[in-house]
Amino acid sequence: MNFKNFQEFDKDCKKLSKKFKSLDEDLSEFKKVLNKFPLGIGKHFNIIRKTGSIYIIKARFFCKSLKKKDLRIIYAYIKNHQTVEMIGIEFIEIYFKGDRENENRKRIKNYLKNF
């Protein structure tokens, strides 16, 4: 499975990793889950937008550095129409729920303009 980061996602990660030291390790664990279940599993994953073969998913992202609070991560799952084969996952945004209530919808729209 191919994983990519949208350019603003890297900035988000860098900022949050200073605050939450286990973020890089937690992100690699999250990628293992996405390898098996790209659309997520359980109530902590929510498809917020679907256009063609692109699913925009908002997920609760558990961080070991946080207790009883968590982060949210927005990612795009891109699959091929003809073969139901995975092309990849691109991370769009990550944010601390205590700092912001909702995702940046403008960033999601800018991401979708690329397709």
PDB file of N, CA and C in Angstrom:
ATOM      1  N   MET A   1       0.848  -1.173   0.000  1.00  0.00           N
ATOM      2  CA  MET A   1       0.000   0.000   0.000  1.00  0.00           C
ATOM      3  C   MET A   1       0.895   1.239   0.000  1.00  0.00           C
ATOM      4  N   ASN A   2       0.525   2.194  -0.808  1.00  0.00           N
ATOM      5  CA  ASN A   2       1.272   3.452  -0.881  1.00  0.00           C
ATOM      6  C   ASN A   2       0.650   4.482   0.056  1.00  0.00           C
ATOM      7  N   PHE A   3       1.501   5.113   0.853  1.00  0.00           N
ATOM      8  CA  PHE A   3       1.062   6.193   1.735  1.00  0.00           C
ATOM      9  C   PHE A   3       1.771   7.472   1.325  1.00  0.00           C
ATOM     10  N   LYS A   4       0.990   8.537   1.202  1.00  0.00           N
ATOM     11  CA  LYS A   4       1.543   9.854   0.876  1.00  0.00           C
ATOM     12  C   LYS A   4       1.020  10.858   1.882  1.00  0.00           C
ATOM     13  N   ASN A   5       1.712  11.984   1.970  1.00  0.00           N
ATOM     14  CA  ASN A   5       1.259  13.073   2.828  1.00  0.00           C
ATOM     15  C   ASN A   5       1.004  14.307   1.988  1.00  0.00           C
ATOM     16  N   PHE A   6      -0.162  14.891   2.147  1.00  0.00           N
ATOM     17  CA  PHE A   6      -0.460  16.188   1.554  1.00  0.00           C
ATOM     18  C   PHE A   6       0.467  17.201   2.224  1.00  0.00           C
ATOM     19  N   GLN A   7       0.901  18.209   1.511  1.00  0.00           N
ATOM     20  CA  GLN A   7       1.946  19.097   2.035  1.00  0.00           C
ATOM     21  C   GLN A   7       1.598  19.744   3.377  1.00  0.00           C
ATOM     22  N   GLU A   8       0.348  20.128   3.584  1.00  0.00           N
ATOM     23  CA  GLU A   8      -0.034  20.730   4.867  1.00  0.00           C
ATOM     24  C   GLU A   8      -0.042  19.707   6.008  1.00  0.00           C
ATOM     25  N   PHE A   9      -0.219  18.437   5.657  1.00  0.00           N
ATOM     26  CA  PHE A   9      -0.216  17.385   6.675  1.00  0.00           C
ATOM     27  C   PHE A   9       1.152  17.296   7.355  1.00  0.00           C
ATOM     28  N   ASP A  10       2.205  17.426   6.578  1.00  0.00           N
ATOM     29  CA  ASP A  10       3.558  17.402   7.157  1.00  0.00           C
ATOM     30  C   ASP A  10       3.756  18.526   8.167  1.00  0.00           C
ATOM     31  N   LYS A  11       3.224  19.700   7.856  1.00  0.00           N
ATOM     32  CA  LYS A  11       3.316  20.833   8.781  1.00  0.00           C
ATOM     33  C   LYS A  11       2.544  20.540  10.065  1.00  0.00           C
ATOM     34  N   ASP A  12       1.348  19.958   9.916  1.00  0.00           N
ATOM     35  CA  ASP A  12       0.543  19.597  11.081  1.00  0.00           C
ATOM     36  C   ASP A  12       1.283  18.605  11.969  1.00  0.00           C
ATOM     37  N   CYS A  13       1.869  17.596  11.340  1.00  0.00           N
ATOM     38  CA  CYS A  13       2.586  16.557  12.092  1.00  0.00           C
ATOM     39  C   CYS A  13       3.788  17.130  12.831  1.00  0.00           C
ATOM     40  N   LYS A  14       4.517  17.982  12.162  1.00  0.00           N
ATOM     41  CA  LYS A  14       5.709  18.564  12.781  1.00  0.00           C
ATOM     42  C   LYS A  14       5.322  19.373  14.021  1.00  0.00           C
ATOM     43  N   LYS A  15       4.261  20.145  13.897  1.00  0.00           N
ATOM     44  CA  LYS A  15       3.790  20.970  15.002  1.00  0.00           C
ATOM     45  C   LYS A  15       3.293  20.104  16.170  1.00  0.00           C
ATOM     46  N   LEU A  16       2.503  19.088  15.850  1.00  0.00           N
ATOM     47  CA  LEU A  16       1.932  18.238  16.892  1.00  0.00           C
ATOM     48  C   LEU A  16       2.955  17.294  17.520  1.00  0.00           C
ATOM     49  N   SER A  17       3.971  16.891  16.750  1.00  0.00           N
ATOM     50  CA  SER A  17       4.967  15.957  17.299  1.00  0.00           C
ATOM     51  C   SER A  17       5.827  16.612  18.378  1.00  0.00           C
ATOM     52  N   LYS A  18       5.917  17.928  18.362  1.00  0.00           N
ATOM     53  CA  LYS A  18       6.626  18.629  19.436  1.00  0.00           C
ATOM     54  C   LYS A  18       5.847  18.515  20.739  1.00  0.00           C
ATOM     55  N   LYS A  19       4.540  18.511  20.624  1.00  0.00           N
ATOM     56  CA  LYS A  19       3.655  18.463  21.780  1.00  0.00           C
ATOM     57  C   LYS A  19       3.412  17.023  22.248  1.00  0.00           C
ATOM     58  N   PHE A  20       3.271  16.112  21.289  1.00  0.00           N
ATOM     59  CA  PHE A  20       2.963  14.712  21.576  1.00  0.00           C
ATOM     60  C   PHE A  20       4.083  13.830  21.028  1.00  0.00           C
ATOM     61  N   LYS A  21       4.948  13.381  21.891  1.00  0.00           N
ATOM     62  CA  LYS A  21       6.180  12.689  21.502  1.00  0.00           C
ATOM     63  C   LYS A  21       5.953  11.346  20.813  1.00  0.00           C
ATOM     64  N   SER A  22       4.842  10.680  21.086  1.00  0.00           N
ATOM     65  CA  SER A  22       4.616   9.353  20.510  1.00  0.00           C
ATOM     66  C   SER A  22       3.915   9.404  19.148  1.00  0.00           C
ATOM     67  N   LEU A  23       3.739  10.576  18.576  1.00  0.00           N
ATOM     68  CA  LEU A  23       2.954  10.739  17.356  1.00  0.00           C
ATOM     69  C   LEU A  23       3.497   9.908  16.181  1.00  0.00           C
ATOM     70  N   ASP A  24       4.799   9.918  15.963  1.00  0.00           N
ATOM     71  CA  ASP A  24       5.373   9.165  14.837  1.00  0.00           C
ATOM     72  C   ASP A  24       5.127   7.661  14.983  1.00  0.00           C
ATOM     73  N   GLU A  25       5.309   7.168  16.187  1.00  0.00           N
ATOM     74  CA  GLU A  25       5.078   5.748  16.450  1.00  0.00           C
ATOM     75  C   GLU A  25       3.595   5.414  16.280  1.00  0.00           C
ATOM     76  N   ASP A  26       2.729   6.278  16.765  1.00  0.00           N
ATOM     77  CA  ASP A  26       1.291   6.057  16.648  1.00  0.00           C
ATOM     78  C   ASP A  26       0.837   6.089  15.189  1.00  0.00           C
ATOM     79  N   LEU A  27       1.446   6.944  14.404  1.00  0.00           N
ATOM     80  CA  LEU A  27       1.107   7.032  12.980  1.00  0.00           C
ATOM     81  C   LEU A  27       1.499   5.754  12.244  1.00  0.00           C
ATOM     82  N   SER A  28       2.628   5.172  12.590  1.00  0.00           N
ATOM     83  CA  SER A  28       3.019   3.922  11.941  1.00  0.00           C
ATOM     84  C   SER A  28       2.067   2.783  12.322  1.00  0.00           C
ATOM     85  N   GLU A  29       1.563   2.775  13.553  1.00  0.00           N
ATOM     86  CA  GLU A  29       0.562   1.784  13.969  1.00  0.00           C
ATOM     87  C   GLU A  29      -0.747   1.995  13.213  1.00  0.00           C
ATOM     88  N   PHE A  30      -1.121   3.250  13.023  1.00  0.00           N
ATOM     89  CA  PHE A  30      -2.334   3.585  12.290  1.00  0.00           C
ATOM     90  C   PHE A  30      -2.241   3.102  10.840  1.00  0.00           C
ATOM     91  N   LYS A  31      -1.063   3.209  10.250  1.00  0.00           N
ATOM     92  CA  LYS A  31      -0.857   2.747   8.874  1.00  0.00           C
ATOM     93  C   LYS A  31      -1.043   1.237   8.773  1.00  0.00           C
ATOM     94  N   LYS A  32      -0.663   0.505   9.809  1.00  0.00           N
ATOM     95  CA  LYS A  32      -0.854  -0.954   9.814  1.00  0.00           C
ATOM     96  C   LYS A  32      -2.340  -1.293   9.788  1.00  0.00           C
ATOM     97  N   VAL A  33      -3.138  -0.535  10.522  1.00  0.00           N
ATOM     98  CA  VAL A  33      -4.588  -0.750  10.514  1.00  0.00           C
ATOM     99  C   VAL A  33      -5.151  -0.446   9.134  1.00  0.00           C
ATOM    100  N   LEU A  34      -4.690   0.646   8.532  1.00  0.00           N
ATOM    101  CA  LEU A  34      -5.196   1.030   7.206  1.00  0.00           C
ATOM    102  C   LEU A  34      -4.790   0.038   6.123  1.00  0.00           C
ATOM    103  N   ASN A  35      -3.674  -0.653   6.310  1.00  0.00           N
ATOM    104  CA  ASN A  35      -3.284  -1.687   5.351  1.00  0.00           C
ATOM    105  C   ASN A  35      -4.336  -2.779   5.257  1.00  0.00           C
ATOM    106  N   LYS A  36      -4.922  -3.134   6.386  1.00  0.00           N
ATOM    107  CA  LYS A  36      -5.940  -4.180   6.413  1.00  0.00           C
ATOM    108  C   LYS A  36      -7.342  -3.647   6.141  1.00  0.00           C
ATOM    109  N   PHE A  37      -7.646  -2.466   6.665  1.00  0.00           N
ATOM    110  CA  PHE A  37      -8.993  -1.886   6.553  1.00  0.00           C
ATOM    111  C   PHE A  37      -8.888  -0.435   6.078  1.00  0.00           C
ATOM    112  N   PRO A  38      -8.725  -0.208   4.781  1.00  0.00           N
ATOM    113  CA  PRO A  38      -8.520   1.168   4.292  1.00  0.00           C
ATOM    114  C   PRO A  38      -9.690   2.118   4.548  1.00  0.00           C
ATOM    115  N   LEU A  39     -10.900   1.589   4.641  1.00  0.00           N
ATOM    116  CA  LEU A  39     -12.050   2.435   4.955  1.00  0.00           C
ATOM    117  C   LEU A  39     -12.300   2.505   6.451  1.00  0.00           C
ATOM    118  N   GLY A  40     -11.459   1.856   7.211  1.00  0.00           N
ATOM    119  CA  GLY A  40     -11.581   1.877   8.656  1.00  0.00           C
ATOM    120  C   GLY A  40     -12.457   0.761   9.168  1.00  0.00           C
ATOM    121  N   ILE A  41     -12.477   0.653  10.475  1.00  0.00           N
ATOM    122  CA  ILE A  41     -13.277  -0.374  11.124  1.00  0.00           C
ATOM    123  C   ILE A  41     -13.844   0.208  12.421  1.00  0.00           C
ATOM    124  N   GLY A  42     -15.090  -0.055  12.663  1.00  0.00           N
ATOM    125  CA  GLY A  42     -15.705   0.412  13.900  1.00  0.00           C
ATOM    126  C   GLY A  42     -16.260   1.819  13.792  1.00  0.00           C
ATOM    127  N   LYS A  43     -16.667   2.325  14.951  1.00  0.00           N
ATOM    128  CA  LYS A  43     -17.348   3.619  14.995  1.00  0.00           C
ATOM    129  C   LYS A  43     -16.397   4.811  14.961  1.00  0.00           C
ATOM    130  N   HIS A  44     -15.108   4.589  14.989  1.00  0.00           N
ATOM    131  CA  HIS A  44     -14.136   5.680  15.025  1.00  0.00           C
ATOM    132  C   HIS A  44     -13.716   6.160  13.628  1.00  0.00           C
ATOM    133  N   PHE A  45     -14.321   5.615  12.590  1.00  0.00           N
ATOM    134  CA  PHE A  45     -14.050   6.015  11.215  1.00  0.00           C
ATOM    135  C   PHE A  45     -15.353   6.476  10.576  1.00  0.00           C
ATOM    136  N   ASN A  46     -15.292   7.584   9.842  1.00  0.00           N
ATOM    137  CA  ASN A  46     -16.484   8.138   9.237  1.00  0.00           C
ATOM    138  C   ASN A  46     -16.155   8.661   7.842  1.00  0.00           C
ATOM    139  N   ILE A  47     -16.864   8.182   6.837  1.00  0.00           N
ATOM    140  CA  ILE A  47     -16.686   8.687   5.473  1.00  0.00           C
ATOM    141  C   ILE A  47     -17.417  10.028   5.403  1.00  0.00           C
ATOM    142  N   ILE A  48     -16.652  11.102   5.180  1.00  0.00           N
ATOM    143  CA  ILE A  48     -17.281  12.418   5.145  1.00  0.00           C
ATOM    144  C   ILE A  48     -17.548  12.905   3.720  1.00  0.00           C
ATOM    145  N   ARG A  49     -16.919  12.247   2.748  1.00  0.00           N
ATOM    146  CA  ARG A  49     -17.141  12.634   1.358  1.00  0.00           C
ATOM    147  C   ARG A  49     -16.713  11.499   0.435  1.00  0.00           C
ATOM    148  N   LYS A  50     -17.472  11.290  -0.634  1.00  0.00           N
ATOM    149  CA  LYS A  50     -17.117  10.289  -1.639  1.00  0.00           C
ATOM    150  C   LYS A  50     -17.342  10.898  -3.012  1.00  0.00           C
ATOM    151  N   THR A  51     -16.296  10.904  -3.811  1.00  0.00           N
ATOM    152  CA  THR A  51     -16.412  11.370  -5.191  1.00  0.00           C
ATOM    153  C   THR A  51     -15.694  10.372  -6.083  1.00  0.00           C
ATOM    154  N   GLY A  52     -16.450   9.674  -6.896  1.00  0.00           N
ATOM    155  CA  GLY A  52     -15.852   8.691  -7.796  1.00  0.00           C
ATOM    156  C   GLY A  52     -15.146   7.594  -7.023  1.00  0.00           C
ATOM    157  N   SER A  53     -13.853   7.462  -7.248  1.00  0.00           N
ATOM    158  CA  SER A  53     -13.078   6.419  -6.579  1.00  0.00           C
ATOM    159  C   SER A  53     -12.304   6.954  -5.378  1.00  0.00           C
ATOM    160  N   ILE A  54     -12.658   8.154  -4.911  1.00  0.00           N
ATOM    161  CA  ILE A  54     -11.959   8.776  -3.779  1.00  0.00           C
ATOM    162  C   ILE A  54     -12.913   8.876  -2.589  1.00  0.00           C
ATOM    163  N   TYR A  55     -12.469   8.327  -1.479  1.00  0.00           N
ATOM    164  CA  TYR A  55     -13.203   8.437  -0.227  1.00  0.00           C
ATOM    165  C   TYR A  55     -12.410   9.346   0.707  1.00  0.00           C
ATOM    166  N   ILE A  56     -13.046  10.364   1.263  1.00  0.00           N
ATOM    167  CA  ILE A  56     -12.421  11.208   2.281  1.00  0.00           C
ATOM    168  C   ILE A  56     -12.952  10.718   3.627  1.00  0.00           C
ATOM    169  N   ILE A  57     -12.031  10.311   4.489  1.00  0.00           N
ATOM    170  CA  ILE A  57     -12.407   9.676   5.746  1.00  0.00           C
ATOM    171  C   ILE A  57     -11.829  10.448   6.920  1.00  0.00           C
ATOM    172  N   LYS A  58     -12.665  10.635   7.935  1.00  0.00           N
ATOM    173  CA  LYS A  58     -12.253  11.269   9.183  1.00  0.00           C
ATOM    174  C   LYS A  58     -12.210  10.168  10.236  1.00  0.00           C
ATOM    175  N   ALA A  59     -11.094  10.088  10.944  1.00  0.00           N
ATOM    176  CA  ALA A  59     -10.940   9.022  11.929  1.00  0.00           C
ATOM    177  C   ALA A  59     -10.447   9.578  13.253  1.00  0.00           C
ATOM    178  N   ARG A  60     -10.831   8.904  14.306  1.00  0.00           N
ATOM    179  CA  ARG A  60     -10.292   9.220  15.627  1.00  0.00           C
ATOM    180  C   ARG A  60      -8.917   8.562  15.693  1.00  0.00           C
ATOM    181  N   PHE A  61      -7.933   9.359  16.025  1.00  0.00           N
ATOM    182  CA  PHE A  61      -6.553   8.900  16.034  1.00  0.00           C
ATOM    183  C   PHE A  61      -6.063   8.885  17.477  1.00  0.00           C
ATOM    184  N   PHE A  62      -5.834   7.698  18.001  1.00  0.00           N
ATOM    185  CA  PHE A  62      -5.402   7.565  19.391  1.00  0.00           C
ATOM    186  C   PHE A  62      -3.903   7.772  19.502  1.00  0.00           C
ATOM    187  N   CYS A  63      -3.517   8.586  20.435  1.00  0.00           N
ATOM    188  CA  CYS A  63      -2.115   8.925  20.659  1.00  0.00           C
ATOM    189  C   CYS A  63      -1.749   8.504  22.082  1.00  0.00           C
ATOM    190  N   LYS A  64      -0.654   7.780  22.227  1.00  0.00           N
ATOM    191  CA  LYS A  64      -0.227   7.306  23.543  1.00  0.00           C
ATOM    192  C   LYS A  64       0.115   8.450  24.493  1.00  0.00           C
ATOM    193  N   SER A  65       0.513   9.584  23.946  1.00  0.00           N
ATOM    194  CA  SER A  65       0.869  10.732  24.776  1.00  0.00           C
ATOM    195  C   SER A  65      -0.336  11.426  25.386  1.00  0.00           C
ATOM    196  N   LEU A  66      -1.505  11.132  24.880  1.00  0.00           N
ATOM    197  CA  LEU A  66      -2.741  11.759  25.374  1.00  0.00           C
ATOM    198  C   LEU A  66      -3.525  10.767  26.212  1.00  0.00           C
ATOM    199  N   LYS A  67      -4.193  11.270  27.207  1.00  0.00           N
ATOM    200  CA  LYS A  67      -5.047  10.418  28.034  1.00  0.00           C
ATOM    201  C   LYS A  67      -6.473  10.949  27.950  1.00  0.00           C
ATOM    202  N   LYS A  68      -7.368  10.084  27.498  1.00  0.00           N
ATOM    203  CA  LYS A  68      -8.793  10.389  27.364  1.00  0.00           C
ATOM    204  C   LYS A  68      -9.093  11.527  26.393  1.00  0.00           C
ATOM    205  N   LYS A  69      -8.126  11.931  25.645  1.00  0.00           N
ATOM    206  CA  LYS A  69      -8.321  12.908  24.574  1.00  0.00           C
ATOM    207  C   LYS A  69      -7.654  12.309  23.354  1.00  0.00           C
ATOM    208  N   ASP A  70      -8.046  12.780  22.209  1.00  0.00           N
ATOM    209  CA  ASP A  70      -7.427  12.213  21.030  1.00  0.00           C
ATOM    210  C   ASP A  70      -7.351  13.224  19.896  1.00  0.00           C
ATOM    211  N   LEU A  71      -6.722  12.784  18.849  1.00  0.00           N
ATOM    212  CA  LEU A  71      -6.534  13.591  17.654  1.00  0.00           C
ATOM    213  C   LEU A  71      -7.517  13.110  16.597  1.00  0.00           C
ATOM    214  N   ARG A  72      -7.708  13.918  15.596  1.00  0.00           N
ATOM    215  CA  ARG A  72      -8.493  13.525  14.431  1.00  0.00           C
ATOM    216  C   ARG A  72      -7.559  13.541  13.227  1.00  0.00           C
ATOM    217  N   ILE A  73      -7.776  12.591  12.340  1.00  0.00           N
ATOM    218  CA  ILE A  73      -6.971  12.525  11.130  1.00  0.00           C
ATOM    219  C   ILE A  73      -7.919  12.403   9.942  1.00  0.00           C
ATOM    220  N   ILE A  74      -7.621  13.165   8.910  1.00  0.00           N
ATOM    221  CA  ILE A  74      -8.411  13.142   7.675  1.00  0.00           C
ATOM    222  C   ILE A  74      -7.509  12.556   6.596  1.00  0.00           C
ATOM    223  N   TYR A  75      -8.008  11.542   5.891  1.00  0.00           N
ATOM    224  CA  TYR A  75      -7.206  10.948   4.819  1.00  0.00           C
ATOM    225  C   TYR A  75      -8.090  10.584   3.634  1.00  0.00           C
ATOM    226  N   ALA A  76      -7.451  10.433   2.503  1.00  0.00           N
ATOM    227  CA  ALA A  76      -8.147  10.048   1.278  1.00  0.00           C
ATOM    228  C   ALA A  76      -7.767   8.612   0.930  1.00  0.00           C
ATOM    229  N   TYR A  77      -8.753   7.807   0.692  1.00  0.00           N
ATOM    230  CA  TYR A  77      -8.564   6.435   0.227  1.00  0.00           C
ATOM    231  C   TYR A  77      -8.908   6.430  -1.251  1.00  0.00           C
ATOM    232  N   ILE A  78      -7.949   6.067  -2.080  1.00  0.00           N
ATOM    233  CA  ILE A  78      -8.130   6.115  -3.529  1.00  0.00           C
ATOM    234  C   ILE A  78      -8.059   4.696  -4.065  1.00  0.00           C
ATOM    235  N   LYS A  79      -9.126   4.270  -4.730  1.00  0.00           N
ATOM    236  CA  LYS A  79      -9.114   2.922  -5.297  1.00  0.00           C
ATOM    237  C   LYS A  79      -9.465   2.978  -6.776  1.00  0.00           C
ATOM    238  N   ASN A  80      -9.061   1.953  -7.464  1.00  0.00           N
ATOM    239  CA  ASN A  80      -9.266   1.849  -8.900  1.00  0.00           C
ATOM    240  C   ASN A  80     -10.654   1.274  -9.168  1.00  0.00           C
ATOM    241  N   HIS A  81     -11.378   1.891 -10.072  1.00  0.00           N
ATOM    242  CA  HIS A  81     -12.733   1.420 -10.400  1.00  0.00           C
ATOM    243  C   HIS A  81     -12.749   0.007 -10.964  1.00  0.00           C
ATOM    244  N   GLN A  82     -11.866  -0.266 -11.925  1.00  0.00           N
ATOM    245  CA  GLN A  82     -11.968  -1.507 -12.679  1.00  0.00           C
ATOM    246  C   GLN A  82     -11.603  -2.744 -11.872  1.00  0.00           C
ATOM    247  N   THR A  83     -10.594  -2.671 -11.054  1.00  0.00           N
ATOM    248  CA  THR A  83     -10.110  -3.886 -10.407  1.00  0.00           C
ATOM    249  C   THR A  83     -10.294  -3.910  -8.899  1.00  0.00           C
ATOM    250  N   VAL A  84     -10.968  -2.930  -8.336  1.00  0.00           N
ATOM    251  CA  VAL A  84     -11.154  -2.805  -6.895  1.00  0.00           C
ATOM    252  C   VAL A  84      -9.805  -2.979  -6.191  1.00  0.00           C
ATOM    253  N   GLU A  85      -8.783  -2.529  -6.835  1.00  0.00           N
ATOM    254  CA  GLU A  85      -7.425  -2.648  -6.314  1.00  0.00           C
ATOM    255  C   GLU A  85      -7.011  -1.322  -5.697  1.00  0.00           C
ATOM    256  N   MET A  86      -6.311  -1.391  -4.622  1.00  0.00           N
ATOM    257  CA  MET A  86      -5.897  -0.195  -3.897  1.00  0.00           C
ATOM    258  C   MET A  86      -4.815   0.553  -4.654  1.00  0.00           C
ATOM    259  N   ILE A  87      -4.985   1.842  -4.810  1.00  0.00           N
ATOM    260  CA  ILE A  87      -3.928   2.680  -5.364  1.00  0.00           C
ATOM    261  C   ILE A  87      -3.142   3.311  -4.229  1.00  0.00           C
ATOM    262  N   GLY A  88      -3.823   3.811  -3.214  1.00  0.00           N
ATOM    263  CA  GLY A  88      -3.082   4.399  -2.105  1.00  0.00           C
ATOM    264  C   GLY A  88      -3.932   5.193  -1.144  1.00  0.00           C
ATOM    265  N   ILE A  89      -3.254   5.674  -0.111  1.00  0.00           N
ATOM    266  CA  ILE A  89      -3.871   6.518   0.909  1.00  0.00           C
ATOM    267  C   ILE A  89      -3.023   7.766   1.042  1.00  0.00           C
ATOM    268  N   GLU A  90      -3.690   8.904   1.063  1.00  0.00           N
ATOM    269  CA  GLU A  90      -2.985  10.167   1.245  1.00  0.00           C
ATOM    270  C   GLU A  90      -3.559  10.875   2.469  1.00  0.00           C
ATOM    271  N   PHE A  91      -2.685  11.194   3.404  1.00  0.00           N
ATOM    272  CA  PHE A  91      -3.097  11.896   4.609  1.00  0.00           C
ATOM    273  C   PHE A  91      -3.232  13.378   4.302  1.00  0.00           C
ATOM    274  N   ILE A  92      -4.362  13.968   4.683  1.00  0.00           N
ATOM    275  CA  ILE A  92      -4.663  15.358   4.360  1.00  0.00           C
ATOM    276  C   ILE A  92      -4.470  16.271   5.562  1.00  0.00           C
ATOM    277  N   GLU A  93      -4.943  15.835   6.728  1.00  0.00           N
ATOM    278  CA  GLU A  93      -4.923  16.726   7.887  1.00  0.00           C
ATOM    279  C   GLU A  93      -4.913  15.912   9.173  1.00  0.00           C
ATOM    280  N   ILE A  94      -4.247  16.449  10.192  1.00  0.00           N
ATOM    281  CA  ILE A  94      -4.302  15.898  11.541  1.00  0.00           C
ATOM    282  C   ILE A  94      -4.397  17.083  12.495  1.00  0.00           C
ATOM    283  N   TYR A  95      -5.286  16.959  13.488  1.00  0.00           N
ATOM    284  CA  TYR A  95      -5.443  18.068  14.431  1.00  0.00           C
ATOM    285  C   TYR A  95      -5.879  17.547  15.792  1.00  0.00           C
ATOM    286  N   PHE A  96      -5.599  18.347  16.799  1.00  0.00           N
ATOM    287  CA  PHE A  96      -5.979  18.037  18.172  1.00  0.00           C
ATOM    288  C   PHE A  96      -7.398  18.519  18.402  1.00  0.00           C
ATOM    289  N   LYS A  97      -8.246  17.638  18.851  1.00  0.00           N
ATOM    290  CA  LYS A  97      -9.665  17.953  19.042  1.00  0.00           C
ATOM    291  C   LYS A  97      -9.873  19.079  20.059  1.00  0.00           C
ATOM    292  N   GLY A  98      -8.952  19.230  21.002  1.00  0.00           N
ATOM    293  CA  GLY A  98      -9.072  20.289  21.998  1.00  0.00           C
ATOM    294  C   GLY A  98      -8.802  21.674  21.437  1.00  0.00           C
ATOM    295  N   ASP A  99      -8.061  21.749  20.321  1.00  0.00           N
ATOM    296  CA  ASP A  99      -7.740  23.035  19.701  1.00  0.00           C
ATOM    297  C   ASP A  99      -8.777  23.479  18.674  1.00  0.00           C
ATOM    298  N   ARG A 100      -9.382  22.508  18.005  1.00  0.00           N
ATOM    299  CA  ARG A 100     -10.292  22.819  16.917  1.00  0.00           C
ATOM    300  C   ARG A 100     -11.461  21.853  16.910  1.00  0.00           C
ATOM    301  N   GLU A 101     -12.629  22.341  16.604  1.00  0.00           N
ATOM    302  CA  GLU A 101     -13.832  21.516  16.641  1.00  0.00           C
ATOM    303  C   GLU A 101     -13.971  20.615  15.414  1.00  0.00           C
ATOM    304  N   ASN A 102     -13.711  21.158  14.218  1.00  0.00           N
ATOM    305  CA  ASN A 102     -13.937  20.412  12.976  1.00  0.00           C
ATOM    306  C   ASN A 102     -12.731  20.466  12.057  1.00  0.00           C
ATOM    307  N   GLU A 103     -12.806  19.632  11.024  1.00  0.00           N
ATOM    308  CA  GLU A 103     -11.758  19.597  10.002  1.00  0.00           C
ATOM    309  C   GLU A 103     -11.780  20.868   9.170  1.00  0.00           C
ATOM    310  N   ASN A 104     -10.698  21.101   8.460  1.00  0.00           N
ATOM    311  CA  ASN A 104     -10.570  22.247   7.576  1.00  0.00           C
ATOM    312  C   ASN A 104     -11.178  21.871   6.223  1.00  0.00           C
ATOM    313  N   ARG A 105     -12.412  22.254   5.998  1.00  0.00           N
ATOM    314  CA  ARG A 105     -13.119  21.869   4.769  1.00  0.00           C
ATOM    315  C   ARG A 105     -12.516  22.504   3.530  1.00  0.00           C
ATOM    316  N   LYS A 106     -11.939  23.677   3.695  1.00  0.00           N
ATOM    317  CA  LYS A 106     -11.283  24.346   2.566  1.00  0.00           C
ATOM    318  C   LYS A 106     -10.087  23.520   2.093  1.00  0.00           C
ATOM    319  N   ARG A 107      -9.346  22.943   3.025  1.00  0.00           N
ATOM    320  CA  ARG A 107      -8.197  22.107   2.663  1.00  0.00           C
ATOM    321  C   ARG A 107      -8.648  20.861   1.913  1.00  0.00           C
ATOM    322  N   ILE A 108      -9.765  20.279   2.318  1.00  0.00           N
ATOM    323  CA  ILE A 108     -10.293  19.097   1.627  1.00  0.00           C
ATOM    324  C   ILE A 108     -10.713  19.456   0.209  1.00  0.00           C
ATOM    325  N   LYS A 109     -11.368  20.600   0.044  1.00  0.00           N
ATOM    326  CA  LYS A 109     -11.757  21.046  -1.298  1.00  0.00           C
ATOM    327  C   LYS A 109     -10.532  21.273  -2.180  1.00  0.00           C
ATOM    328  N   ASN A 110      -9.491  21.891  -1.609  1.00  0.00           N
ATOM    329  CA  ASN A 110      -8.250  22.103  -2.373  1.00  0.00           C
ATOM    330  C   ASN A 110      -7.621  20.771  -2.769  1.00  0.00           C
ATOM    331  N   TYR A 111      -7.674  19.806  -1.885  1.00  0.00           N
ATOM    332  CA  TYR A 111      -7.136  18.480  -2.197  1.00  0.00           C
ATOM    333  C   TYR A 111      -7.896  17.857  -3.348  1.00  0.00           C
ATOM    334  N   LEU A 112      -9.219  17.943  -3.311  1.00  0.00           N
ATOM    335  CA  LEU A 112     -10.048  17.311  -4.358  1.00  0.00           C
ATOM    336  C   LEU A 112      -9.918  18.010  -5.704  1.00  0.00           C
ATOM    337  N   LYS A 113      -9.483  19.269  -5.715  1.00  0.00           N
ATOM    338  CA  LYS A 113      -9.273  19.968  -6.983  1.00  0.00           C
ATOM    339  C   LYS A 113      -8.154  19.332  -7.805  1.00  0.00           C
ATOM    340  N   ASN A 114      -7.253  18.623  -7.142  1.00  0.00           N
ATOM    341  CA  ASN A 114      -6.137  17.978  -7.840  1.00  0.00           C
ATOM    342  C   ASN A 114      -6.579  16.811  -8.698  1.00  0.00           C
ATOM    343  N   PHE A 115      -7.814  16.344  -8.522  1.00  0.00           N
ATOM    344  CA  PHE A 115      -8.279  15.169  -9.282  1.00  0.00           C
ATOM    345  C   PHE A 115      -9.231  15.555 -10.359  1.00  0.00           C
TER     346      PHE A 115
END
